């Protein structure tokens, strides 16, 4: 259930995502001091996080769950779908493809 974004500059894309959040061009996402992203609408905030991992030619986001709530299909599909939507809407010039896996995939943690 990871998001895998193919890009020529994974570190640059990650920096652009953070810049878009900081500049309020992206309003429905935040990131914490660990660099993990959370969806900010009341229904979803702090129920999971997407942790970025820079790789060769790709930027992966693994989903992190909470200790006291199970990871549900609704939760991971919302986080993956809304995050990819944000990338396509605001940062499409920085990547080639974005995909979500259907099964637990590195670097997922739940």
C-alpha atoms as a PDB file:
ATOM      1  CA  UNK A   1       0.000   0.000   0.000  1.00  0.00           C
ATOM      2  CA  UNK A   2       2.830   2.318  -0.803  1.00  0.00           C
ATOM      3  CA  UNK A   3       2.782   5.251  -3.178  1.00  0.00           C
ATOM      4  CA  UNK A   4       5.565   5.022  -5.739  1.00  0.00           C
ATOM      5  CA  UNK A   5       6.356   8.177  -7.697  1.00  0.00           C
ATOM      6  CA  UNK A   6       8.758   7.893 -10.644  1.00  0.00           C
ATOM      7  CA  UNK A   7      10.818  11.044 -11.019  1.00  0.00           C
ATOM      8  CA  UNK A   8      14.221  12.130 -12.257  1.00  0.00           C
ATOM      9  CA  UNK A   9      14.761  14.115  -9.051  1.00  0.00           C
ATOM     10  CA  UNK A  10      13.213  12.386  -5.996  1.00  0.00           C
ATOM     11  CA  UNK A  11      14.817  14.708  -3.435  1.00  0.00           C
ATOM     12  CA  UNK A  12      13.738  17.746  -5.448  1.00  0.00           C
ATOM     13  CA  UNK A  13      10.152  16.489  -5.638  1.00  0.00           C
ATOM     14  CA  UNK A  14      10.057  15.935  -1.884  1.00  0.00           C
ATOM     15  CA  UNK A  15      11.345  19.471  -1.340  1.00  0.00           C
ATOM     16  CA  UNK A  16       8.693  20.847  -3.721  1.00  0.00           C
ATOM     17  CA  UNK A  17       5.912  19.014  -1.854  1.00  0.00           C
ATOM     18  CA  UNK A  18       7.077  20.508   1.437  1.00  0.00           C
ATOM     19  CA  UNK A  19       7.398  23.960  -0.145  1.00  0.00           C
ATOM     20  CA  UNK A  20       3.833  23.719  -1.507  1.00  0.00           C
ATOM     21  CA  UNK A  21       2.570  22.832   1.984  1.00  0.00           C
ATOM     22  CA  UNK A  22       4.620  25.608   3.609  1.00  0.00           C
ATOM     23  CA  UNK A  23       3.382  28.191   1.096  1.00  0.00           C
ATOM     24  CA  UNK A  24      -0.236  27.020   1.579  1.00  0.00           C
ATOM     25  CA  UNK A  25      -0.622  26.074  -2.105  1.00  0.00           C
ATOM     26  CA  UNK A  26      -1.462  22.649  -0.690  1.00  0.00           C
ATOM     27  CA  UNK A  27      -3.878  23.188   2.172  1.00  0.00           C
ATOM     28  CA  UNK A  28      -5.139  19.698   3.002  1.00  0.00           C
ATOM     29  CA  UNK A  29      -1.776  18.164   3.919  1.00  0.00           C
ATOM     30  CA  UNK A  30       0.747  18.844   6.646  1.00  0.00           C
ATOM     31  CA  UNK A  31       4.054  17.304   7.622  1.00  0.00           C
ATOM     32  CA  UNK A  32       5.672  16.863  11.010  1.00  0.00           C
ATOM     33  CA  UNK A  33       9.220  17.194  12.327  1.00  0.00           C
ATOM     34  CA  UNK A  34       9.960  13.648  11.093  1.00  0.00           C
ATOM     35  CA  UNK A  35       8.886  14.643   7.574  1.00  0.00           C
ATOM     36  CA  UNK A  36       5.780  12.414   7.639  1.00  0.00           C
ATOM     37  CA  UNK A  37       2.667  13.722   5.874  1.00  0.00           C
ATOM     38  CA  UNK A  38      -0.854  13.652   7.315  1.00  0.00           C
ATOM     39  CA  UNK A  39      -4.137  14.508   5.621  1.00  0.00           C
ATOM     40  CA  UNK A  40      -5.617  17.445   7.555  1.00  0.00           C
ATOM     41  CA  UNK A  41      -9.424  17.248   7.185  1.00  0.00           C
ATOM     42  CA  UNK A  42     -10.970  16.373  10.574  1.00  0.00           C
ATOM     43  CA  UNK A  43     -12.015  12.907   9.391  1.00  0.00           C
ATOM     44  CA  UNK A  44      -8.422  11.893   8.536  1.00  0.00           C
ATOM     45  CA  UNK A  45      -5.929  13.990  10.481  1.00  0.00           C
ATOM     46  CA  UNK A  46      -3.370  11.993  12.466  1.00  0.00           C
ATOM     47  CA  UNK A  47      -5.085   8.689  11.731  1.00  0.00           C
ATOM     48  CA  UNK A  48      -2.119   7.727   9.538  1.00  0.00           C
ATOM     49  CA  UNK A  49       1.011   9.249   8.056  1.00  0.00           C
ATOM     50  CA  UNK A  50       2.843   8.893   4.776  1.00  0.00           C
ATOM     51  CA  UNK A  51       6.589   8.546   5.287  1.00  0.00           C
ATOM     52  CA  UNK A  52       8.757   9.515   2.295  1.00  0.00           C
ATOM     53  CA  UNK A  53      11.719   7.434   1.211  1.00  0.00           C
ATOM     54  CA  UNK A  54      14.041   8.733  -1.510  1.00  0.00           C
ATOM     55  CA  UNK A  55      15.301   6.090  -3.910  1.00  0.00           C
ATOM     56  CA  UNK A  56      17.032   5.869  -7.268  1.00  0.00           C
ATOM     57  CA  UNK A  57      14.587   7.436  -9.730  1.00  0.00           C
ATOM     58  CA  UNK A  58      11.649   7.238  -7.369  1.00  0.00           C
ATOM     59  CA  UNK A  59      10.088   8.681  -4.268  1.00  0.00           C
ATOM     60  CA  UNK A  60       8.129   6.183  -2.158  1.00  0.00           C
ATOM     61  CA  UNK A  61       5.623   6.942   0.548  1.00  0.00           C
ATOM     62  CA  UNK A  62       4.910   4.181   3.033  1.00  0.00           C
ATOM     63  CA  UNK A  63       1.827   4.439   5.214  1.00  0.00           C
ATOM     64  CA  UNK A  64       2.220   4.399   8.978  1.00  0.00           C
ATOM     65  CA  UNK A  65      -0.728   3.454  11.132  1.00  0.00           C
ATOM     66  CA  UNK A  66      -1.444   4.206  14.767  1.00  0.00           C
ATOM     67  CA  UNK A  67      -0.941   1.734  17.610  1.00  0.00           C
ATOM     68  CA  UNK A  68      -4.537   1.946  18.791  1.00  0.00           C
ATOM     69  CA  UNK A  69      -6.439   1.747  15.485  1.00  0.00           C
ATOM     70  CA  UNK A  70      -6.242  -0.878  12.766  1.00  0.00           C
ATOM     71  CA  UNK A  71      -5.312   0.054   9.223  1.00  0.00           C
ATOM     72  CA  UNK A  72      -8.512  -0.205   7.207  1.00  0.00           C
ATOM     73  CA  UNK A  73      -9.101  -0.238   3.468  1.00  0.00           C
ATOM     74  CA  UNK A  74     -10.973   3.046   3.808  1.00  0.00           C
ATOM     75  CA  UNK A  75      -8.093   4.726   5.624  1.00  0.00           C
ATOM     76  CA  UNK A  76      -5.284   3.633   3.331  1.00  0.00           C
ATOM     77  CA  UNK A  77      -7.292   4.236   0.168  1.00  0.00           C
ATOM     78  CA  UNK A  78      -8.170   7.767   1.324  1.00  0.00           C
ATOM     79  CA  UNK A  79      -4.556   8.619   2.137  1.00  0.00           C
ATOM     80  CA  UNK A  80      -3.212   7.148  -1.086  1.00  0.00           C
ATOM     81  CA  UNK A  81      -5.924   8.556  -3.334  1.00  0.00           C
ATOM     82  CA  UNK A  82      -5.914  12.067  -1.883  1.00  0.00           C
ATOM     83  CA  UNK A  83      -2.124  12.250  -1.878  1.00  0.00           C
ATOM     84  CA  UNK A  84      -1.857  11.214  -5.529  1.00  0.00           C
ATOM     85  CA  UNK A  85      -4.623  13.706  -6.353  1.00  0.00           C
ATOM     86  CA  UNK A  86      -2.575  16.452  -4.649  1.00  0.00           C
ATOM     87  CA  UNK A  87       0.524  15.481  -6.629  1.00  0.00           C
ATOM     88  CA  UNK A  88      -1.357  15.532  -9.937  1.00  0.00           C
ATOM     89  CA  UNK A  89      -3.058  18.839  -9.160  1.00  0.00           C
ATOM     90  CA  UNK A  90      -0.075  20.792  -7.854  1.00  0.00           C
ATOM     91  CA  UNK A  91       3.186  19.067  -8.768  1.00  0.00           C
ATOM     92  CA  UNK A  92       2.620  17.231 -12.048  1.00  0.00           C
ATOM     93  CA  UNK A  93       5.638  18.814 -13.750  1.00  0.00           C
ATOM     94  CA  UNK A  94       7.999  17.155 -11.237  1.00  0.00           C
ATOM     95  CA  UNK A  95       7.246  13.482 -11.897  1.00  0.00           C
ATOM     96  CA  UNK A  96       6.443  10.946 -14.615  1.00  0.00           C
ATOM     97  CA  UNK A  97       4.053   8.533 -12.894  1.00  0.00           C
ATOM     98  CA  UNK A  98       2.476   7.985  -9.499  1.00  0.00           C
ATOM     99  CA  UNK A  99       0.956   4.673  -8.444  1.00  0.00           C
ATOM    100  CA  UNK A 100      -0.386   3.008  -5.320  1.00  0.00           C
ATOM    101  CA  UNK A 101       0.240  -0.631  -4.542  1.00  0.00           C
ATOM    102  CA  UNK A 102      -2.684  -2.816  -3.463  1.00  0.00           C
ATOM    103  CA  UNK A 103      -0.774  -4.836  -0.864  1.00  0.00           C
ATOM    104  CA  UNK A 104       1.591  -3.958   1.945  1.00  0.00           C
ATOM    105  CA  UNK A 105       4.840  -2.847   0.316  1.00  0.00           C
ATOM    106  CA  UNK A 106       8.075  -1.370   1.635  1.00  0.00           C
ATOM    107  CA  UNK A 107       8.209   1.102   3.293  1.00  0.00           C
ATOM    108  CA  UNK A 108       4.715   0.541   4.775  1.00  0.00           C
ATOM    109  CA  UNK A 109       4.537   0.117   8.543  1.00  0.00           C
ATOM    110  CA  UNK A 110       1.306  -1.023  10.165  1.00  0.00           C
END
